[in-house]
PDB file of N, CA and C in Angstrom:
ATOM      1  N   ALA A   1      -8.543   1.452  -5.032  1.00  0.00           N
ATOM      2  CA  ALA A   1      -7.011   1.559  -5.221  1.00  0.00           C
ATOM      3  C   ALA A   1      -6.296   1.154  -3.919  1.00  0.00           C
ATOM      4  N   PRO A   2      -5.207   0.566  -4.067  1.00  0.00           N
ATOM      5  CA  PRO A   2      -4.521  -0.026  -2.784  1.00  0.00           C
ATOM      6  C   PRO A   2      -4.151   1.154  -1.783  1.00  0.00           C
ATOM      7  N   ARG A   3      -3.652   2.254  -2.421  1.00  0.00           N
ATOM      8  CA  ARG A   3      -3.379   3.295  -1.418  1.00  0.00           C
ATOM      9  C   ARG A   3      -4.543   3.802  -0.575  1.00  0.00           C
ATOM     10  N   TRP A   4      -5.623   3.916  -1.263  1.00  0.00           N
ATOM     11  CA  TRP A   4      -6.839   4.390  -0.577  1.00  0.00           C
ATOM     12  C   TRP A   4      -7.266   3.272   0.487  1.00  0.00           C
ATOM     13  N   LEU A   5      -7.114   2.069   0.085  1.00  0.00           N
ATOM     14  CA  LEU A   5      -7.430   0.922   1.139  1.00  0.00           C
ATOM     15  C   LEU A   5      -6.567   0.952   2.241  1.00  0.00           C
ATOM     16  N   ILE A   6      -5.318   1.147   1.985  1.00  0.00           N
ATOM     17  CA  ILE A   6      -4.266   1.233   3.148  1.00  0.00           C
ATOM     18  C   ILE A   6      -4.685   2.413   4.060  1.00  0.00           C
ATOM     19  N   SER A   7      -4.932   3.571   3.455  1.00  0.00           N
ATOM     20  CA  SER A   7      -5.266   4.783   4.291  1.00  0.00           C
ATOM     21  C   SER A   7      -6.518   4.565   5.104  1.00  0.00           C
ATOM     22  N   ARG A   8      -7.418   3.654   4.797  1.00  0.00           N
ATOM     23  CA  ARG A   8      -8.576   3.403   5.439  1.00  0.00           C
ATOM     24  C   ARG A   8      -8.480   2.155   6.422  1.00  0.00           C
ATOM     25  N   GLY A   9      -7.262   1.628   6.451  1.00  0.00           N
ATOM     26  CA  GLY A   9      -6.915   0.391   7.300  1.00  0.00           C
ATOM     27  C   GLY A   9      -7.284  -0.924   6.780  1.00  0.00           C
ATOM     28  N   ARG A  10      -7.600  -1.013   5.513  1.00  0.00           N
ATOM     29  CA  ARG A  10      -7.906  -2.127   4.764  1.00  0.00           C
ATOM     30  C   ARG A  10      -6.723  -2.701   4.170  1.00  0.00           C
ATOM     31  N   ASN A  11      -5.736  -3.041   4.948  1.00  0.00           N
ATOM     32  CA  ASN A  11      -4.432  -3.519   4.480  1.00  0.00           C
ATOM     33  C   ASN A  11      -4.437  -4.867   3.781  1.00  0.00           C
ATOM     34  N   ASP A  12      -5.229  -5.793   4.255  1.00  0.00           N
ATOM     35  CA  ASP A  12      -5.365  -7.109   3.610  1.00  0.00           C
ATOM     36  C   ASP A  12      -5.912  -6.985   2.217  1.00  0.00           C
ATOM     37  N   GLU A  13      -6.894  -6.251   2.012  1.00  0.00           N
ATOM     38  CA  GLU A  13      -7.520  -6.060   0.688  1.00  0.00           C
ATOM     39  C   GLU A  13      -6.369  -5.409  -0.255  1.00  0.00           C
ATOM     40  N   ALA A  14      -5.810  -4.394   0.271  1.00  0.00           N
ATOM     41  CA  ALA A  14      -4.743  -3.727  -0.532  1.00  0.00           C
ATOM     42  C   ALA A  14      -3.679  -4.625  -0.990  1.00  0.00           C
ATOM     43  N   ARG A  15      -3.168  -5.479   0.088  1.00  0.00           N
ATOM     44  CA  ARG A  15      -2.045  -6.358  -0.270  1.00  0.00           C
ATOM     45  C   ARG A  15      -2.430  -7.401  -1.318  1.00  0.00           C
ATOM     46  N   ARG A  16      -3.726  -7.906  -1.272  1.00  0.00           N
ATOM     47  CA  ARG A  16      -4.235  -8.885  -2.142  1.00  0.00           C
ATOM     48  C   ARG A  16      -4.184  -8.244  -3.576  1.00  0.00           C
ATOM     49  N   ILE A  17      -4.703  -7.064  -3.746  1.00  0.00           N
ATOM     50  CA  ILE A  17      -4.738  -6.327  -5.048  1.00  0.00           C
ATOM     51  C   ILE A  17      -3.357  -6.190  -5.591  1.00  0.00           C
ATOM     52  N   LEU A  18      -2.473  -5.609  -4.733  1.00  0.00           N
ATOM     53  CA  LEU A  18      -1.023  -5.528  -5.175  1.00  0.00           C
ATOM     54  C   LEU A  18      -0.576  -6.832  -5.660  1.00  0.00           C
ATOM     55  N   ALA A  19      -0.678  -7.955  -4.876  1.00  0.00           N
ATOM     56  CA  ALA A  19      -0.166  -9.215  -5.263  1.00  0.00           C
ATOM     57  C   ALA A  19      -0.783  -9.742  -6.610  1.00  0.00           C
ATOM     58  N   LYS A  20      -2.058  -9.537  -6.710  1.00  0.00           N
ATOM     59  CA  LYS A  20      -2.708  -9.941  -7.943  1.00  0.00           C
ATOM     60  C   LYS A  20      -2.237  -9.281  -9.196  1.00  0.00           C
ATOM     61  N   TYR A  21      -1.933  -8.007  -9.078  1.00  0.00           N
ATOM     62  CA  TYR A  21      -1.641  -7.254 -10.186  1.00  0.00           C
ATOM     63  C   TYR A  21      -0.191  -7.043 -10.504  1.00  0.00           C
ATOM     64  N   HIS A  22       0.686  -7.153  -9.464  1.00  0.00           N
ATOM     65  CA  HIS A  22       2.043  -6.808  -9.502  1.00  0.00           C
ATOM     66  C   HIS A  22       2.960  -7.871  -9.112  1.00  0.00           C
ATOM     67  N   GLY A  23       2.397  -8.982  -8.576  1.00  0.00           N
ATOM     68  CA  GLY A  23       3.235  -9.998  -8.039  1.00  0.00           C
ATOM     69  C   GLY A  23       2.895 -11.464  -8.402  1.00  0.00           C
ATOM     70  N   ASN A  24       2.015 -11.502  -9.399  1.00  0.00           N
ATOM     71  CA  ASN A  24       1.629 -12.902  -9.819  1.00  0.00           C
ATOM     72  C   ASN A  24       0.889 -13.710  -8.740  1.00  0.00           C
ATOM     73  N   GLY A  25       0.280 -12.912  -7.818  1.00  0.00           N
ATOM     74  CA  GLY A  25      -0.388 -13.675  -6.791  1.00  0.00           C
ATOM     75  C   GLY A  25       0.449 -13.668  -5.510  1.00  0.00           C
ATOM     76  N   ASP A  26       1.694 -13.448  -5.525  1.00  0.00           N
ATOM     77  CA  ASP A  26       2.703 -13.469  -4.405  1.00  0.00           C
ATOM     78  C   ASP A  26       2.679 -12.163  -3.730  1.00  0.00           C
ATOM     79  N   PRO A  27       2.208 -12.121  -2.414  1.00  0.00           N
ATOM     80  CA  PRO A  27       2.232 -10.987  -1.717  1.00  0.00           C
ATOM     81  C   PRO A  27       3.796 -10.589  -1.300  1.00  0.00           C
ATOM     82  N   ASN A  28       4.585 -11.459  -1.407  1.00  0.00           N
ATOM     83  CA  ASN A  28       6.041 -11.307  -0.948  1.00  0.00           C
ATOM     84  C   ASN A  28       6.878 -10.871  -2.079  1.00  0.00           C
ATOM     85  N   ALA A  29       6.286 -10.697  -3.366  1.00  0.00           N
ATOM     86  CA  ALA A  29       7.141 -10.470  -4.430  1.00  0.00           C
ATOM     87  C   ALA A  29       7.838  -9.097  -4.188  1.00  0.00           C
ATOM     88  N   PRO A  30       8.960  -9.013  -4.779  1.00  0.00           N
ATOM     89  CA  PRO A  30       9.706  -7.702  -4.497  1.00  0.00           C
ATOM     90  C   PRO A  30       8.963  -6.379  -4.915  1.00  0.00           C
ATOM     91  N   LEU A  31       8.408  -6.470  -6.038  1.00  0.00           N
ATOM     92  CA  LEU A  31       7.650  -5.184  -6.424  1.00  0.00           C
ATOM     93  C   LEU A  31       6.518  -5.037  -5.550  1.00  0.00           C
ATOM     94  N   VAL A  32       5.809  -5.927  -5.101  1.00  0.00           N
ATOM     95  CA  VAL A  32       4.675  -5.675  -4.116  1.00  0.00           C
ATOM     96  C   VAL A  32       5.151  -5.103  -2.862  1.00  0.00           C
ATOM     97  N   GLN A  33       6.234  -5.698  -2.313  1.00  0.00           N
ATOM     98  CA  GLN A  33       6.905  -5.249  -1.117  1.00  0.00           C
ATOM     99  C   GLN A  33       7.287  -3.638  -1.303  1.00  0.00           C
ATOM    100  N   LEU A  34       7.932  -3.312  -2.355  1.00  0.00           N
ATOM    101  CA  LEU A  34       8.302  -2.109  -2.779  1.00  0.00           C
ATOM    102  C   LEU A  34       7.260  -1.073  -2.721  1.00  0.00           C
ATOM    103  N   GLU A  35       6.155  -1.463  -3.490  1.00  0.00           N
ATOM    104  CA  GLU A  35       5.051  -0.633  -3.596  1.00  0.00           C
ATOM    105  C   GLU A  35       4.264  -0.460  -2.301  1.00  0.00           C
ATOM    106  N   TRP A  36       4.392  -1.371  -1.478  1.00  0.00           N
ATOM    107  CA  TRP A  36       3.790  -1.289  -0.140  1.00  0.00           C
ATOM    108  C   TRP A  36       4.345  -0.334   0.750  1.00  0.00           C
ATOM    109  N   GLN A  37       5.756  -0.271   0.692  1.00  0.00           N
ATOM    110  CA  GLN A  37       6.466   0.664   1.566  1.00  0.00           C
ATOM    111  C   GLN A  37       6.281   2.019   0.961  1.00  0.00           C
ATOM    112  N   GLU A  38       6.206   2.273  -0.331  1.00  0.00           N
ATOM    113  CA  GLU A  38       6.003   3.597  -0.960  1.00  0.00           C
ATOM    114  C   GLU A  38       4.563   4.031  -0.549  1.00  0.00           C
ATOM    115  N   PHE A  39       3.652   3.098  -0.524  1.00  0.00           N
ATOM    116  CA  PHE A  39       2.347   3.530  -0.167  1.00  0.00           C
ATOM    117  C   PHE A  39       2.291   4.006   1.305  1.00  0.00           C
ATOM    118  N   GLU A  40       2.868   3.196   2.084  1.00  0.00           N
ATOM    119  CA  GLU A  40       2.888   3.556   3.613  1.00  0.00           C
ATOM    120  C   GLU A  40       3.634   4.881   3.852  1.00  0.00           C
ATOM    121  N   GLU A  41       4.635   5.075   3.157  1.00  0.00           N
ATOM    122  CA  GLU A  41       5.471   6.403   3.422  1.00  0.00           C
ATOM    123  C   GLU A  41       4.653   7.558   2.842  1.00  0.00           C
ATOM    124  N   ALA A  42       4.053   7.350   1.725  1.00  0.00           N
ATOM    125  CA  ALA A  42       3.198   8.554   1.142  1.00  0.00           C
ATOM    126  C   ALA A  42       2.058   8.890   2.037  1.00  0.00           C
ATOM    127  N   ILE A  43       1.343   7.920   2.713  1.00  0.00           N
ATOM    128  CA  ILE A  43       0.255   8.146   3.526  1.00  0.00           C
ATOM    129  C   ILE A  43       0.790   8.694   4.849  1.00  0.00           C
ATOM    130  N   LYS A  44       1.927   8.435   5.300  1.00  0.00           N
ATOM    131  CA  LYS A  44       2.376   9.124   6.516  1.00  0.00           C
ATOM    132  C   LYS A  44       2.794  10.640   6.187  1.00  0.00           C
ATOM    133  N   LEU A  45       3.329  10.744   5.050  1.00  0.00           N
ATOM    134  CA  LEU A  45       3.639  12.278   4.625  1.00  0.00           C
ATOM    135  C   LEU A  45       2.351  13.022   4.490  1.00  0.00           C
ATOM    136  N   ASP A  46       1.331  12.320   3.995  1.00  0.00           N
ATOM    137  CA  ASP A  46       0.082  13.142   3.779  1.00  0.00           C
ATOM    138  C   ASP A  46      -0.516  13.598   5.089  1.00  0.00           C
ATOM    139  N   ALA A  47      -0.372  12.549   5.983  1.00  0.00           N
ATOM    140  CA  ALA A  47      -0.932  12.820   7.387  1.00  0.00           C
ATOM    141  C   ALA A  47      -0.240  13.902   8.065  1.00  0.00           C
ATOM    142  N   SER A  48       1.137  13.889   7.860  1.00  0.00           N
ATOM    143  CA  SER A  48       1.935  14.962   8.469  1.00  0.00           C
ATOM    144  C   SER A  48       1.605  16.343   7.946  1.00  0.00           C
ATOM    145  N   ASP A  49       1.291  16.378   6.663  1.00  0.00           N
ATOM    146  CA  ASP A  49       0.985  17.704   6.061  1.00  0.00           C
ATOM    147  C   ASP A  49      -0.346  18.278   6.616  1.00  0.00           C
ATOM    148  N   LYS A  50      -1.222  17.438   7.258  1.00  0.00           N
ATOM    149  CA  LYS A  50      -2.487  17.933   7.574  1.00  0.00           C
ATOM    150  C   LYS A  50      -2.550  18.446   9.182  1.00  0.00           C
ATOM    151  N   ARG A  51      -1.328  18.298   9.749  1.00  0.00           N
ATOM    152  CA  ARG A  51      -1.139  18.732  11.211  1.00  0.00           C
ATOM    153  C   ARG A  51      -0.823  20.264  11.209  1.00  0.00           C
ATOM    154  N   TRP A  52      -1.406  21.019  12.121  1.00  0.00           N
ATOM    155  CA  TRP A  52      -1.076  22.414  12.255  1.00  0.00           C
ATOM    156  C   TRP A  52      -0.231  22.696  13.227  1.00  0.00           C
TER     157      TRP A  52
END
């Protein structure tokens, strides 16, 4: 899943998957960009929850 890949630093793979399934192969498609931002924000929030 793209979110898992992003959280593991495998950004290129994640972007290719998003582009393939949500952007007709275009990594700059608006939906791909929106999902990318949402994934990054969610990962940052998850990381901040784990701090004590």
